[in-house]
Amino acid sequence: MSKFTGSKWKKSRHLNFSVLETGDELKKRAYGPGQHGQDRKRRPSEYGAQLLEKQKLKELYGLNERQFRRLFMIAKKDKTVTGLAFFRILESRVDNLVYRMGFAKTRAQARQLVNHGHVTVNGKKVDIPSYLCNVGDVIGFKEAEPLGVVKASVEGKPAIPAYITVDAEKYQGTFARLPERNELPKDINEGQIIEYYNRKL
C-alpha cells in the first residue's frame, strides 16, 4: 500500500481529527474537504466507525497499512491489554520519540532526521525510523552542533510528556518509562481498532 503524500490538513478534515496534534487543521473549517464536505454528516456503520478509528491512529503516527498491522500483531501477543500495548509500541518508535522530545516540530520532520542519519540511540547512529527503543534508551544527535531545525524546534519550548526526560542544552533525551493510557491521545478509541482487526484475522 502506497504512503499518502498529500495535504495533512485535508486528511485531518476528512477524519475530523488533528493528525498533527495541534488542532489547527480544524479551526477554520471543521468539516470534510471538497465541494460536498459540509454535507457528509451521515453516521458511519459499525465497520465504518472501526475503520475510521484505525485510520486516525495510523495517520497520527504516519505509518502505512503494512507497518501498522505488523505492530498491532506484536501488541496482540503482549501480556498487557492489547490497546495499551499497541500505543506503547507506537510511542517507542525512534521517530516518534524524537518528535515527543521536541527535537522536531512534526513526526514527518523527525522521520527525516532519522532517515538522514542524524539521530543516535545510546550513542550509536540509527537511521531506521521504525526502530523500537527500550525504556532507558538515550536519544541524541551525532553532530556536536545541533541542526538548525532541531534548534528551532527546541527553542519553541514544546510540551514534553512525563514519560520522557530531556536535557535541552545537550539536545538529548531519555525514554524514562512506558506511558500510561491517560498520557496518550484521548480522541482514539483503541477498542474499535481491535474490533476492526479481529474482523480481518
N, C-alpha and C. Protein backbone atom coordinates (compact mmCIF):
# COMPACT_ATOMS: atom_id res chain seq x y z
N MET A 1 0.84 -1.20 0.00
CA MET A 1 0.00 0.00 0.00
C MET A 1 0.87 1.25 0.00
N SER A 2 0.63 2.17 -0.93
CA SER A 2 1.46 3.36 -1.04
C SER A 2 1.17 4.33 0.10
N LYS A 3 2.16 5.14 0.41
CA LYS A 3 2.04 6.10 1.50
C LYS A 3 1.37 7.38 1.02
N PHE A 4 0.49 7.93 1.83
CA PHE A 4 -0.18 9.19 1.49
C PHE A 4 0.82 10.33 1.57
N THR A 5 0.90 11.12 0.49
CA THR A 5 1.85 12.24 0.45
C THR A 5 1.14 13.57 0.24
N GLY A 6 -0.18 13.58 0.35
CA GLY A 6 -0.93 14.81 0.14
C GLY A 6 -0.97 15.68 1.38
N SER A 7 -1.94 16.59 1.41
CA SER A 7 -2.07 17.55 2.49
C SER A 7 -2.54 16.90 3.79
N LYS A 8 -1.77 17.12 4.86
CA LYS A 8 -2.17 16.61 6.18
C LYS A 8 -3.41 17.34 6.67
N TRP A 9 -3.58 18.60 6.25
CA TRP A 9 -4.75 19.36 6.67
C TRP A 9 -6.02 18.75 6.07
N LYS A 10 -5.96 18.37 4.79
CA LYS A 10 -7.12 17.73 4.15
C LYS A 10 -7.41 16.39 4.80
N LYS A 11 -6.34 15.64 5.09
CA LYS A 11 -6.52 14.35 5.74
C LYS A 11 -7.17 14.52 7.12
N SER A 12 -6.75 15.52 7.86
CA SER A 12 -7.33 15.78 9.17
C SER A 12 -8.80 16.14 9.07
N ARG A 13 -9.14 16.96 8.08
CA ARG A 13 -10.54 17.36 7.91
C ARG A 13 -11.39 16.17 7.47
N HIS A 14 -10.82 15.31 6.66
CA HIS A 14 -11.55 14.10 6.23
C HIS A 14 -11.85 13.19 7.42
N LEU A 15 -10.88 13.07 8.35
CA LEU A 15 -11.04 12.20 9.51
C LEU A 15 -11.70 12.91 10.69
N ASN A 16 -11.84 14.26 10.57
CA ASN A 16 -12.32 15.09 11.68
C ASN A 16 -11.48 14.85 12.93
N PHE A 17 -10.16 14.88 12.71
CA PHE A 17 -9.20 14.55 13.76
C PHE A 17 -7.86 15.18 13.40
N SER A 18 -7.23 15.85 14.33
CA SER A 18 -5.97 16.54 14.07
C SER A 18 -4.81 15.56 14.08
N VAL A 19 -4.33 15.17 12.91
CA VAL A 19 -3.21 14.23 12.85
C VAL A 19 -1.89 14.89 13.22
N LEU A 20 -1.86 16.22 13.27
CA LEU A 20 -0.66 16.95 13.69
C LEU A 20 -0.68 17.26 15.18
N GLU A 21 -1.78 16.90 15.85
CA GLU A 21 -1.95 17.09 17.30
C GLU A 21 -1.93 18.56 17.73
N THR A 22 -2.21 19.45 16.80
CA THR A 22 -2.25 20.88 17.15
C THR A 22 -3.67 21.41 17.16
N GLY A 23 -4.55 20.78 16.40
CA GLY A 23 -5.93 21.24 16.26
C GLY A 23 -6.08 22.35 15.24
N ASP A 24 -4.95 22.85 14.71
CA ASP A 24 -5.00 23.96 13.76
C ASP A 24 -5.76 23.61 12.48
N GLU A 25 -5.67 22.33 12.08
CA GLU A 25 -6.29 21.92 10.81
C GLU A 25 -7.81 22.06 10.81
N LEU A 26 -8.41 22.01 12.01
CA LEU A 26 -9.87 22.01 12.10
C LEU A 26 -10.45 23.34 12.58
N LYS A 27 -9.58 24.31 12.88
CA LYS A 27 -10.07 25.58 13.44
C LYS A 27 -10.89 26.38 12.44
N LYS A 28 -10.40 26.46 11.21
CA LYS A 28 -11.06 27.29 10.22
C LYS A 28 -12.24 26.57 9.57
N ARG A 29 -12.05 25.29 9.25
CA ARG A 29 -13.10 24.52 8.59
C ARG A 29 -13.21 23.16 9.25
N ALA A 30 -14.11 23.02 10.18
CA ALA A 30 -14.26 21.76 10.92
C ALA A 30 -15.22 20.83 10.19
N TYR A 31 -14.97 20.62 8.91
CA TYR A 31 -15.77 19.69 8.11
C TYR A 31 -14.89 19.14 7.00
N GLY A 32 -15.39 18.12 6.32
CA GLY A 32 -14.59 17.43 5.31
C GLY A 32 -14.20 18.33 4.15
N PRO A 33 -13.10 17.98 3.46
CA PRO A 33 -12.65 18.77 2.32
C PRO A 33 -13.53 18.52 1.10
N GLY A 34 -13.40 19.39 0.11
CA GLY A 34 -14.12 19.19 -1.14
C GLY A 34 -15.44 19.93 -1.19
N GLN A 35 -16.04 19.90 -2.37
CA GLN A 35 -17.28 20.64 -2.63
C GLN A 35 -18.43 20.22 -1.71
N HIS A 36 -18.48 18.94 -1.38
CA HIS A 36 -19.58 18.43 -0.56
C HIS A 36 -19.15 18.10 0.87
N GLY A 37 -18.06 18.71 1.30
CA GLY A 37 -17.52 18.40 2.63
C GLY A 37 -18.49 18.63 3.76
N GLN A 38 -19.32 19.68 3.64
CA GLN A 38 -20.25 20.00 4.72
C GLN A 38 -21.48 19.10 4.72
N ASP A 39 -21.67 18.35 3.65
CA ASP A 39 -22.87 17.51 3.54
C ASP A 39 -22.63 16.09 4.05
N ARG A 40 -21.35 15.75 4.36
CA ARG A 40 -21.04 14.37 4.76
C ARG A 40 -21.23 14.19 6.25
N LYS A 41 -22.46 14.10 6.67
CA LYS A 41 -22.74 14.01 8.10
C LYS A 41 -23.48 12.73 8.46
N ARG A 42 -23.49 11.78 7.53
CA ARG A 42 -24.15 10.51 7.83
C ARG A 42 -23.39 9.76 8.92
N ARG A 43 -24.13 9.11 9.78
CA ARG A 43 -23.49 8.31 10.82
C ARG A 43 -22.90 7.06 10.18
N PRO A 44 -21.61 6.77 10.41
CA PRO A 44 -21.00 5.60 9.77
C PRO A 44 -21.53 4.30 10.34
N SER A 45 -21.42 3.23 9.56
CA SER A 45 -21.79 1.90 10.03
C SER A 45 -20.81 1.47 11.12
N GLU A 46 -21.09 0.36 11.76
CA GLU A 46 -20.18 -0.15 12.81
C GLU A 46 -18.79 -0.38 12.22
N TYR A 47 -18.76 -0.99 11.05
CA TYR A 47 -17.47 -1.23 10.39
C TYR A 47 -16.81 0.09 10.01
N GLY A 48 -17.61 1.04 9.53
CA GLY A 48 -17.08 2.34 9.14
C GLY A 48 -16.47 3.08 10.32
N ALA A 49 -17.10 2.96 11.49
CA ALA A 49 -16.57 3.60 12.70
C ALA A 49 -15.25 2.96 13.11
N GLN A 50 -15.15 1.65 12.99
CA GLN A 50 -13.91 0.95 13.32
C GLN A 50 -12.80 1.34 12.36
N LEU A 51 -13.13 1.41 11.08
CA LEU A 51 -12.16 1.80 10.06
C LEU A 51 -11.67 3.23 10.31
N LEU A 52 -12.59 4.11 10.69
CA LEU A 52 -12.23 5.50 10.95
C LEU A 52 -11.22 5.61 12.09
N GLU A 53 -11.45 4.86 13.18
CA GLU A 53 -10.52 4.91 14.32
C GLU A 53 -9.15 4.38 13.92
N LYS A 54 -9.16 3.33 13.11
CA LYS A 54 -7.89 2.77 12.64
C LYS A 54 -7.13 3.78 11.78
N GLN A 55 -7.85 4.45 10.90
CA GLN A 55 -7.22 5.44 10.02
C GLN A 55 -6.68 6.63 10.82
N LYS A 56 -7.41 7.05 11.84
CA LYS A 56 -6.97 8.17 12.67
C LYS A 56 -5.62 7.86 13.34
N LEU A 57 -5.53 6.68 13.94
CA LEU A 57 -4.30 6.32 14.64
C LEU A 57 -3.15 6.09 13.65
N LYS A 58 -3.45 5.48 12.53
CA LYS A 58 -2.44 5.22 11.50
C LYS A 58 -1.86 6.52 10.96
N GLU A 59 -2.74 7.48 10.69
CA GLU A 59 -2.29 8.77 10.16
C GLU A 59 -1.57 9.59 11.22
N LEU A 60 -1.99 9.45 12.47
CA LEU A 60 -1.34 10.19 13.56
C LEU A 60 0.15 9.85 13.63
N TYR A 61 0.46 8.55 13.52
CA TYR A 61 1.85 8.12 13.62
C TYR A 61 2.54 8.04 12.26
N GLY A 62 1.81 8.32 11.18
CA GLY A 62 2.40 8.38 9.85
C GLY A 62 2.89 7.05 9.31
N LEU A 63 2.13 5.98 9.55
CA LEU A 63 2.53 4.65 9.11
C LEU A 63 1.69 4.20 7.91
N ASN A 64 2.24 3.27 7.14
CA ASN A 64 1.41 2.65 6.10
C ASN A 64 0.70 1.44 6.70
N GLU A 65 -0.19 0.85 5.95
CA GLU A 65 -1.03 -0.22 6.48
C GLU A 65 -0.21 -1.44 6.92
N ARG A 66 0.79 -1.78 6.15
CA ARG A 66 1.59 -2.96 6.48
C ARG A 66 2.35 -2.77 7.79
N GLN A 67 2.96 -1.62 7.97
CA GLN A 67 3.67 -1.32 9.22
C GLN A 67 2.71 -1.34 10.40
N PHE A 68 1.56 -0.72 10.21
CA PHE A 68 0.57 -0.59 11.28
C PHE A 68 0.07 -1.96 11.73
N ARG A 69 -0.27 -2.79 10.76
CA ARG A 69 -0.78 -4.13 11.06
C ARG A 69 0.29 -4.97 11.75
N ARG A 70 1.54 -4.87 11.31
CA ARG A 70 2.63 -5.64 11.93
C ARG A 70 2.79 -5.29 13.40
N LEU A 71 2.73 -3.99 13.71
CA LEU A 71 2.86 -3.57 15.10
C LEU A 71 1.66 -4.01 15.93
N PHE A 72 0.48 -4.01 15.30
CA PHE A 72 -0.70 -4.48 16.02
C PHE A 72 -0.55 -5.96 16.38
N MET A 73 -0.02 -6.76 15.46
CA MET A 73 0.16 -8.20 15.73
C MET A 73 1.16 -8.42 16.87
N ILE A 74 2.18 -7.56 16.95
CA ILE A 74 3.13 -7.65 18.06
C ILE A 74 2.41 -7.33 19.37
N ALA A 75 1.57 -6.29 19.34
CA ALA A 75 0.84 -5.88 20.54
C ALA A 75 -0.14 -6.97 21.00
N LYS A 76 -0.71 -7.67 20.05
CA LYS A 76 -1.71 -8.70 20.38
C LYS A 76 -1.08 -9.85 21.15
N LYS A 77 0.21 -10.07 20.94
CA LYS A 77 0.91 -11.16 21.63
C LYS A 77 1.41 -10.73 23.00
N ASP A 78 1.34 -9.44 23.29
CA ASP A 78 1.82 -8.91 24.57
C ASP A 78 0.86 -9.28 25.69
N LYS A 79 1.40 -9.42 26.90
CA LYS A 79 0.57 -9.78 28.06
C LYS A 79 -0.24 -8.59 28.56
N THR A 80 0.19 -7.37 28.17
CA THR A 80 -0.56 -6.16 28.55
C THR A 80 -1.84 -6.09 27.73
N VAL A 81 -2.81 -5.31 28.20
CA VAL A 81 -4.03 -5.08 27.44
C VAL A 81 -3.65 -4.64 26.03
N THR A 82 -4.25 -5.24 25.02
CA THR A 82 -3.81 -5.04 23.63
C THR A 82 -3.77 -3.57 23.22
N GLY A 83 -4.81 -2.81 23.56
CA GLY A 83 -4.85 -1.41 23.17
C GLY A 83 -3.70 -0.61 23.73
N LEU A 84 -3.43 -0.78 25.03
CA LEU A 84 -2.32 -0.05 25.67
C LEU A 84 -0.98 -0.53 25.12
N ALA A 85 -0.84 -1.84 24.93
CA ALA A 85 0.41 -2.38 24.38
C ALA A 85 0.68 -1.80 22.99
N PHE A 86 -0.39 -1.66 22.20
CA PHE A 86 -0.24 -1.12 20.84
C PHE A 86 0.23 0.33 20.90
N PHE A 87 -0.40 1.13 21.74
CA PHE A 87 0.02 2.51 21.92
C PHE A 87 1.48 2.61 22.35
N ARG A 88 1.87 1.76 23.30
CA ARG A 88 3.23 1.82 23.82
C ARG A 88 4.26 1.47 22.75
N ILE A 89 3.92 0.52 21.89
CA ILE A 89 4.82 0.16 20.79
C ILE A 89 4.96 1.35 19.83
N LEU A 90 3.83 1.97 19.49
CA LEU A 90 3.86 3.12 18.59
C LEU A 90 4.68 4.26 19.19
N GLU A 91 4.54 4.47 20.49
CA GLU A 91 5.27 5.54 21.15
C GLU A 91 6.76 5.26 21.25
N SER A 92 7.15 3.99 21.20
CA SER A 92 8.56 3.64 21.37
C SER A 92 9.36 3.70 20.07
N ARG A 93 8.69 3.98 18.94
CA ARG A 93 9.43 4.17 17.69
C ARG A 93 10.37 5.37 17.83
N VAL A 94 11.56 5.25 17.28
CA VAL A 94 12.55 6.31 17.47
C VAL A 94 12.09 7.62 16.83
N ASP A 95 11.41 7.57 15.69
CA ASP A 95 10.95 8.82 15.07
C ASP A 95 9.92 9.52 15.96
N ASN A 96 9.06 8.74 16.59
CA ASN A 96 8.07 9.33 17.48
C ASN A 96 8.73 9.95 18.71
N LEU A 97 9.75 9.28 19.25
CA LEU A 97 10.43 9.80 20.44
C LEU A 97 11.19 11.08 20.13
N VAL A 98 11.80 11.16 18.94
CA VAL A 98 12.46 12.40 18.54
C VAL A 98 11.44 13.54 18.52
N TYR A 99 10.24 13.24 18.02
CA TYR A 99 9.16 14.24 17.99
C TYR A 99 8.69 14.58 19.40
N ARG A 100 8.44 13.57 20.22
CA ARG A 100 7.96 13.79 21.58
C ARG A 100 8.96 14.58 22.44
N MET A 101 10.23 14.40 22.15
CA MET A 101 11.26 15.11 22.92
C MET A 101 11.42 16.56 22.48
N GLY A 102 10.69 16.94 21.44
CA GLY A 102 10.71 18.32 20.99
C GLY A 102 11.85 18.66 20.05
N PHE A 103 12.52 17.64 19.49
CA PHE A 103 13.63 17.88 18.57
C PHE A 103 13.14 18.08 17.14
N ALA A 104 11.86 17.88 16.90
CA ALA A 104 11.26 18.09 15.59
C ALA A 104 9.84 18.61 15.81
N LYS A 105 9.37 19.44 14.88
CA LYS A 105 8.04 20.03 15.03
C LYS A 105 6.92 19.08 14.62
N THR A 106 7.25 18.10 13.78
CA THR A 106 6.26 17.10 13.35
C THR A 106 6.94 15.73 13.31
N ARG A 107 6.13 14.69 13.26
CA ARG A 107 6.70 13.35 13.14
C ARG A 107 7.37 13.16 11.79
N ALA A 108 6.83 13.81 10.76
CA ALA A 108 7.44 13.71 9.43
C ALA A 108 8.85 14.29 9.45
N GLN A 109 9.02 15.41 10.14
CA GLN A 109 10.34 16.03 10.26
C GLN A 109 11.27 15.14 11.07
N ALA A 110 10.74 14.53 12.13
CA ALA A 110 11.53 13.62 12.96
C ALA A 110 11.98 12.41 12.14
N ARG A 111 11.07 11.90 11.31
CA ARG A 111 11.39 10.75 10.46
C ARG A 111 12.51 11.09 9.49
N GLN A 112 12.48 12.31 8.97
CA GLN A 112 13.52 12.75 8.04
C GLN A 112 14.88 12.84 8.74
N LEU A 113 14.88 13.35 9.97
CA LEU A 113 16.13 13.43 10.73
C LEU A 113 16.73 12.04 10.94
N VAL A 114 15.87 11.08 11.24
CA VAL A 114 16.35 9.70 11.45
C VAL A 114 16.84 9.12 10.12
N ASN A 115 16.05 9.26 9.07
CA ASN A 115 16.41 8.72 7.75
C ASN A 115 17.76 9.23 7.27
N HIS A 116 18.05 10.49 7.56
CA HIS A 116 19.30 11.10 7.08
C HIS A 116 20.49 10.83 8.00
N GLY A 117 20.28 10.00 9.02
CA GLY A 117 21.39 9.56 9.86
C GLY A 117 21.86 10.53 10.91
N HIS A 118 21.01 11.48 11.31
CA HIS A 118 21.43 12.47 12.31
C HIS A 118 21.22 11.98 13.75
N VAL A 119 20.36 10.98 13.93
CA VAL A 119 19.93 10.57 15.27
C VAL A 119 20.75 9.39 15.79
N THR A 120 21.02 9.43 17.09
CA THR A 120 21.70 8.31 17.75
C THR A 120 20.84 7.77 18.89
N VAL A 121 20.98 6.49 19.15
CA VAL A 121 20.35 5.85 20.31
C VAL A 121 21.48 5.21 21.12
N ASN A 122 21.63 5.67 22.35
CA ASN A 122 22.74 5.21 23.21
C ASN A 122 24.10 5.40 22.53
N GLY A 123 24.22 6.51 21.80
CA GLY A 123 25.49 6.85 21.17
C GLY A 123 25.74 6.23 19.81
N LYS A 124 24.84 5.35 19.36
CA LYS A 124 25.02 4.68 18.07
C LYS A 124 24.00 5.21 17.06
N LYS A 125 24.49 5.47 15.83
CA LYS A 125 23.61 6.01 14.80
C LYS A 125 22.49 5.04 14.47
N VAL A 126 21.27 5.56 14.40
CA VAL A 126 20.10 4.78 13.99
C VAL A 126 19.43 5.55 12.85
N ASP A 127 19.32 4.91 11.69
CA ASP A 127 18.70 5.58 10.55
C ASP A 127 17.44 4.88 10.06
N ILE A 128 16.83 4.10 10.95
CA ILE A 128 15.57 3.41 10.63
C ILE A 128 14.48 3.98 11.53
N PRO A 129 13.55 4.75 10.98
CA PRO A 129 12.51 5.40 11.81
C PRO A 129 11.67 4.43 12.63
N SER A 130 11.53 3.20 12.14
CA SER A 130 10.68 2.22 12.84
C SER A 130 11.42 1.50 13.98
N TYR A 131 12.68 1.85 14.20
CA TYR A 131 13.46 1.22 15.27
C TYR A 131 12.73 1.41 16.60
N LEU A 132 12.53 0.32 17.33
CA LEU A 132 11.81 0.37 18.61
C LEU A 132 12.79 0.52 19.76
N CYS A 133 12.63 1.60 20.50
CA CYS A 133 13.50 1.88 21.64
C CYS A 133 13.00 1.18 22.89
N ASN A 134 13.90 0.96 23.82
CA ASN A 134 13.56 0.38 25.12
C ASN A 134 13.60 1.45 26.19
N VAL A 135 12.90 1.21 27.29
CA VAL A 135 12.94 2.13 28.42
C VAL A 135 14.40 2.28 28.88
N GLY A 136 14.81 3.51 29.06
CA GLY A 136 16.19 3.79 29.47
C GLY A 136 17.08 4.21 28.32
N ASP A 137 16.65 4.02 27.09
CA ASP A 137 17.45 4.42 25.94
C ASP A 137 17.59 5.94 25.88
N VAL A 138 18.79 6.38 25.50
CA VAL A 138 19.08 7.81 25.38
C VAL A 138 19.17 8.18 23.90
N ILE A 139 18.40 9.17 23.51
CA ILE A 139 18.35 9.61 22.12
C ILE A 139 19.03 10.97 22.00
N GLY A 140 19.92 11.07 21.03
CA GLY A 140 20.65 12.32 20.82
C GLY A 140 20.97 12.50 19.35
N PHE A 141 21.99 13.30 19.07
CA PHE A 141 22.39 13.58 17.69
C PHE A 141 23.88 13.40 17.53
N LYS A 142 24.29 12.97 16.35
CA LYS A 142 25.71 12.69 16.13
C LYS A 142 26.52 13.98 15.95
N GLU A 143 25.84 15.08 15.57
CA GLU A 143 26.55 16.34 15.38
C GLU A 143 26.83 17.03 16.71
N ALA A 144 28.01 17.60 16.83
CA ALA A 144 28.35 18.36 18.05
C ALA A 144 27.50 19.62 18.12
N GLU A 145 27.27 20.26 16.98
CA GLU A 145 26.41 21.45 16.90
C GLU A 145 25.07 21.03 16.32
N PRO A 146 23.96 21.26 17.02
CA PRO A 146 22.66 20.80 16.54
C PRO A 146 22.25 21.47 15.22
N LEU A 147 21.49 20.73 14.44
CA LEU A 147 20.97 21.26 13.18
C LEU A 147 20.02 22.43 13.46
N GLY A 148 19.89 23.30 12.48
CA GLY A 148 19.02 24.47 12.65
C GLY A 148 17.58 24.10 12.95
N VAL A 149 17.06 23.06 12.28
CA VAL A 149 15.65 22.67 12.51
C VAL A 149 15.45 22.12 13.91
N VAL A 150 16.47 21.44 14.42
CA VAL A 150 16.40 20.89 15.78
C VAL A 150 16.43 22.03 16.79
N LYS A 151 17.35 22.95 16.59
CA LYS A 151 17.49 24.10 17.50
C LYS A 151 16.20 24.93 17.51
N ALA A 152 15.63 25.15 16.32
CA ALA A 152 14.39 25.94 16.23
C ALA A 152 13.24 25.26 16.94
N SER A 153 13.18 23.95 16.81
CA SER A 153 12.11 23.20 17.48
C SER A 153 12.24 23.26 18.99
N VAL A 154 13.45 23.09 19.50
CA VAL A 154 13.69 23.13 20.95
C VAL A 154 13.41 24.53 21.50
N GLU A 155 13.80 25.55 20.75
CA GLU A 155 13.58 26.93 21.18
C GLU A 155 12.09 27.27 21.25
N GLY A 156 11.27 26.50 20.55
CA GLY A 156 9.82 26.70 20.61
C GLY A 156 9.22 26.21 21.91
N LYS A 157 10.04 25.57 22.75
CA LYS A 157 9.63 25.05 24.07
C LYS A 157 8.36 24.19 23.99
N PRO A 158 8.44 23.08 23.26
CA PRO A 158 7.29 22.18 23.15
C PRO A 158 6.99 21.48 24.47
N ALA A 159 5.76 21.04 24.61
CA ALA A 159 5.37 20.29 25.81
C ALA A 159 5.99 18.89 25.75
N ILE A 160 6.62 18.48 26.84
CA ILE A 160 7.28 17.17 26.89
C ILE A 160 6.47 16.23 27.79
N PRO A 161 6.10 15.05 27.30
CA PRO A 161 5.35 14.10 28.13
C PRO A 161 6.13 13.67 29.37
N ALA A 162 5.42 13.26 30.41
CA ALA A 162 6.07 12.91 31.68
C ALA A 162 6.91 11.64 31.59
N TYR A 163 6.67 10.80 30.58
CA TYR A 163 7.43 9.54 30.49
C TYR A 163 8.75 9.71 29.74
N ILE A 164 9.08 10.97 29.43
CA ILE A 164 10.32 11.30 28.73
C ILE A 164 11.05 12.39 29.52
N THR A 165 12.36 12.29 29.60
CA THR A 165 13.15 13.38 30.19
C THR A 165 14.06 13.94 29.10
N VAL A 166 14.23 15.26 29.11
CA VAL A 166 15.00 15.91 28.06
C VAL A 166 16.01 16.88 28.67
N ASP A 167 17.24 16.82 28.17
CA ASP A 167 18.26 17.80 28.50
C ASP A 167 18.39 18.69 27.28
N ALA A 168 17.69 19.82 27.29
CA ALA A 168 17.64 20.70 26.11
C ALA A 168 19.00 21.27 25.76
N GLU A 169 19.85 21.48 26.76
CA GLU A 169 21.18 22.05 26.49
C GLU A 169 22.09 21.07 25.76
N LYS A 170 21.92 19.78 26.06
CA LYS A 170 22.73 18.75 25.40
C LYS A 170 22.03 18.16 24.17
N TYR A 171 20.79 18.58 23.95
CA TYR A 171 20.00 18.06 22.83
C TYR A 171 19.93 16.53 22.87
N GLN A 172 19.56 16.03 24.03
CA GLN A 172 19.34 14.60 24.16
C GLN A 172 18.23 14.34 25.17
N GLY A 173 17.61 13.18 25.01
CA GLY A 173 16.51 12.84 25.91
C GLY A 173 16.52 11.36 26.22
N THR A 174 15.81 10.99 27.27
CA THR A 174 15.75 9.59 27.71
C THR A 174 14.30 9.11 27.72
N PHE A 175 14.10 7.91 27.20
CA PHE A 175 12.79 7.25 27.26
C PHE A 175 12.69 6.67 28.66
N ALA A 176 12.19 7.46 29.60
CA ALA A 176 12.29 7.14 31.03
C ALA A 176 11.41 5.97 31.46
N ARG A 177 10.22 5.88 30.90
CA ARG A 177 9.29 4.80 31.28
C ARG A 177 8.23 4.65 30.21
N LEU A 178 7.46 3.57 30.31
CA LEU A 178 6.36 3.37 29.37
C LEU A 178 5.21 4.32 29.73
N PRO A 179 4.54 4.86 28.74
CA PRO A 179 3.42 5.77 29.03
C PRO A 179 2.20 5.04 29.55
N GLU A 180 1.39 5.75 30.33
CA GLU A 180 0.09 5.23 30.76
C GLU A 180 -0.97 5.71 29.77
N ARG A 181 -2.12 5.07 29.79
CA ARG A 181 -3.15 5.38 28.80
C ARG A 181 -3.61 6.84 28.88
N ASN A 182 -3.67 7.40 30.09
CA ASN A 182 -4.14 8.78 30.23
C ASN A 182 -3.12 9.82 29.73
N GLU A 183 -1.92 9.35 29.36
CA GLU A 183 -0.89 10.25 28.81
C GLU A 183 -0.84 10.19 27.29
N LEU A 184 -1.73 9.40 26.71
CA LEU A 184 -1.73 9.16 25.27
C LEU A 184 -2.96 9.81 24.63
N PRO A 185 -2.99 9.92 23.29
CA PRO A 185 -4.11 10.60 22.61
C PRO A 185 -5.47 10.11 23.10
N LYS A 186 -6.30 11.05 23.55
CA LYS A 186 -7.60 10.70 24.14
C LYS A 186 -8.70 10.56 23.09
N ASP A 187 -8.47 11.09 21.89
CA ASP A 187 -9.50 11.07 20.86
C ASP A 187 -9.52 9.79 20.04
N ILE A 188 -8.79 8.78 20.50
CA ILE A 188 -8.73 7.50 19.81
C ILE A 188 -9.42 6.44 20.65
N ASN A 189 -10.31 5.68 20.02
CA ASN A 189 -10.96 4.55 20.69
C ASN A 189 -10.28 3.28 20.21
N GLU A 190 -9.28 2.83 20.96
CA GLU A 190 -8.50 1.68 20.52
C GLU A 190 -9.31 0.39 20.49
N GLY A 191 -10.40 0.35 21.26
CA GLY A 191 -11.28 -0.83 21.23
C GLY A 191 -11.86 -1.05 19.84
N GLN A 192 -12.16 0.04 19.15
CA GLN A 192 -12.69 -0.06 17.79
C GLN A 192 -11.64 -0.61 16.84
N ILE A 193 -10.39 -0.26 17.07
CA ILE A 193 -9.30 -0.74 16.22
C ILE A 193 -9.09 -2.24 16.43
N ILE A 194 -9.18 -2.66 17.68
CA ILE A 194 -9.06 -4.09 17.98
C ILE A 194 -10.17 -4.87 17.30
N GLU A 195 -11.40 -4.34 17.36
CA GLU A 195 -12.53 -5.00 16.71
C GLU A 195 -12.33 -5.05 15.20
N TYR A 196 -11.77 -3.98 14.64
CA TYR A 196 -11.52 -3.93 13.19
C TYR A 196 -10.60 -5.07 12.78
N TYR A 197 -9.50 -5.25 13.50
CA TYR A 197 -8.56 -6.30 13.11
C TYR A 197 -9.07 -7.69 13.48
N ASN A 198 -9.90 -7.81 14.51
CA ASN A 198 -10.49 -9.10 14.82
C ASN A 198 -11.38 -9.59 13.68
N ARG A 199 -12.01 -8.64 12.98
CA ARG A 199 -12.81 -9.00 11.80
C ARG A 199 -11.93 -9.54 10.68
N LYS A 200 -10.72 -8.96 10.59
CA LYS A 200 -9.84 -9.28 9.47
C LYS A 200 -9.04 -10.57 9.68
N LEU A 201 -8.76 -10.89 10.93
CA LEU A 201 -7.86 -12.02 11.23
C LEU A 201 -8.62 -13.34 11.31
